[in-house]
Amino acid sequence: MNRDQAMQQVIGAIRQVRECSGMGSAHLGPNTRPLRDLDDFDSLSGVEATVLLSDSVGHELPDHLFTGREGQRVPSIGEIADFVVQATQPGSTRHE
């Protein structure tokens, strides 16, 4: 999976969560930080998006994918996509 494919998967998961929750559509790009930039997208939405994303890429991803670890800044869609690319590479053991 390349970065563009991963980014489309991330955006698709965010859109699906927003639609299922009755949130409106939003412009999503590589610099969008979902937890900071999207109204009504909270940490629970991030967990839901992570579950959808894990299913779509066929790889378990960490619950903090959208929120960042404690003390870290909230990641952008591009940063989330970069993590997904690394985590889904054959032989990868990255689950952090």
Protein backbone atom coordinates (compact mmCIF):
# COMPACT_ATOMS: atom_id res chain seq x y z
CA MET A 1 0.00 0.00 0.00
CA ASN A 2 1.35 3.42 -0.90
CA ARG A 3 0.70 6.74 0.86
CA ASP A 4 -2.05 7.87 -1.52
CA GLN A 5 -3.92 4.60 -1.05
CA ALA A 6 -3.52 4.80 2.71
CA MET A 7 -4.72 8.41 2.72
CA GLN A 8 -7.85 7.42 0.78
CA GLN A 9 -8.49 4.64 3.31
CA VAL A 10 -8.08 7.08 6.23
CA ILE A 11 -10.36 9.66 4.61
CA GLY A 12 -12.92 6.95 3.83
CA ALA A 13 -12.97 5.81 7.47
CA ILE A 14 -13.41 9.38 8.72
CA ARG A 15 -16.23 10.03 6.25
CA GLN A 16 -17.98 6.81 7.22
CA VAL A 17 -17.85 7.71 10.93
CA ARG A 18 -19.12 11.21 10.20
CA GLU A 19 -21.98 9.94 8.04
CA CYS A 20 -23.05 7.28 10.58
CA SER A 21 -23.00 9.89 13.34
CA GLY A 22 -25.04 12.42 11.38
CA MET A 23 -22.15 14.86 11.03
CA GLY A 24 -21.94 16.95 7.90
CA SER A 25 -19.36 16.54 5.20
CA ALA A 26 -16.04 18.31 5.50
CA HIS A 27 -13.02 19.02 3.34
CA LEU A 28 -10.37 16.45 4.24
CA GLY A 29 -6.76 16.67 3.14
CA PRO A 30 -3.31 15.54 4.26
CA ASN A 31 -2.92 18.45 6.69
CA THR A 32 -6.35 18.03 8.33
CA ARG A 33 -6.07 17.05 11.98
CA PRO A 34 -9.41 15.31 12.54
CA LEU A 35 -9.57 15.80 16.33
CA ARG A 36 -8.64 19.46 16.07
CA ASP A 37 -10.13 20.56 12.76
CA LEU A 38 -13.41 18.66 12.46
CA ASP A 39 -16.41 19.73 14.51
CA ASP A 40 -17.89 16.89 16.56
CA PHE A 41 -15.03 14.47 15.75
CA ASP A 42 -13.80 13.36 19.18
CA SER A 43 -11.66 10.57 20.61
CA LEU A 44 -14.53 8.07 20.36
CA SER A 45 -14.90 8.97 16.68
CA GLY A 46 -11.16 8.34 16.35
CA VAL A 47 -11.51 4.86 17.85
CA GLU A 48 -14.44 4.10 15.55
CA ALA A 49 -12.45 5.31 12.53
CA THR A 50 -9.48 3.19 13.63
CA VAL A 51 -11.65 0.06 13.78
CA LEU A 52 -13.03 0.76 10.29
CA LEU A 53 -9.55 1.51 8.97
CA SER A 54 -8.10 -1.65 10.55
CA ASP A 55 -10.80 -3.70 8.83
CA SER A 56 -10.27 -2.03 5.46
CA VAL A 57 -6.49 -2.49 5.45
CA GLY A 58 -6.59 -5.92 7.08
CA HIS A 59 -4.18 -4.96 9.86
CA GLU A 60 -4.69 -4.19 13.55
CA LEU A 61 -3.93 -0.53 14.25
CA PRO A 62 -3.49 1.15 17.66
CA ASP A 63 -6.45 2.83 19.39
CA HIS A 64 -4.50 6.08 19.67
CA LEU A 65 -3.97 6.37 15.91
CA PHE A 66 -6.16 9.50 15.64
CA THR A 67 -5.50 10.95 19.09
CA GLY A 68 -1.75 10.51 19.35
CA ARG A 69 -0.06 9.24 22.46
CA GLU A 70 -0.20 11.23 25.65
CA GLY A 71 2.04 14.26 25.35
CA GLN A 72 2.10 14.14 21.54
CA ARG A 73 0.26 16.50 19.26
CA VAL A 74 -2.81 15.29 17.41
CA PRO A 75 -1.75 13.71 14.08
CA SER A 76 -2.81 14.87 10.63
CA ILE A 77 -4.42 12.63 8.03
CA GLY A 78 -1.08 12.52 6.21
CA GLU A 79 0.73 11.39 9.37
CA ILE A 80 -1.92 8.76 10.04
CA ALA A 81 -1.55 7.53 6.44
CA ASP A 82 2.25 7.35 6.85
CA PHE A 83 1.78 5.18 9.95
CA VAL A 84 -0.66 2.91 8.09
CA VAL A 85 1.82 2.46 5.23
CA GLN A 86 4.58 1.48 7.65
CA ALA A 87 2.34 -0.76 9.75
CA THR A 88 1.01 -2.68 6.74
CA GLN A 89 4.35 -3.43 5.12
CA PRO A 90 5.11 -7.16 4.90
CA GLY A 91 7.01 -8.26 7.98
CA SER A 92 6.16 -5.11 9.93
CA THR A 93 5.81 -5.53 13.67
CA ARG A 94 4.67 -1.97 14.25
CA HIS A 95 1.55 -1.90 16.42
CA GLU A 96 2.34 1.11 18.61
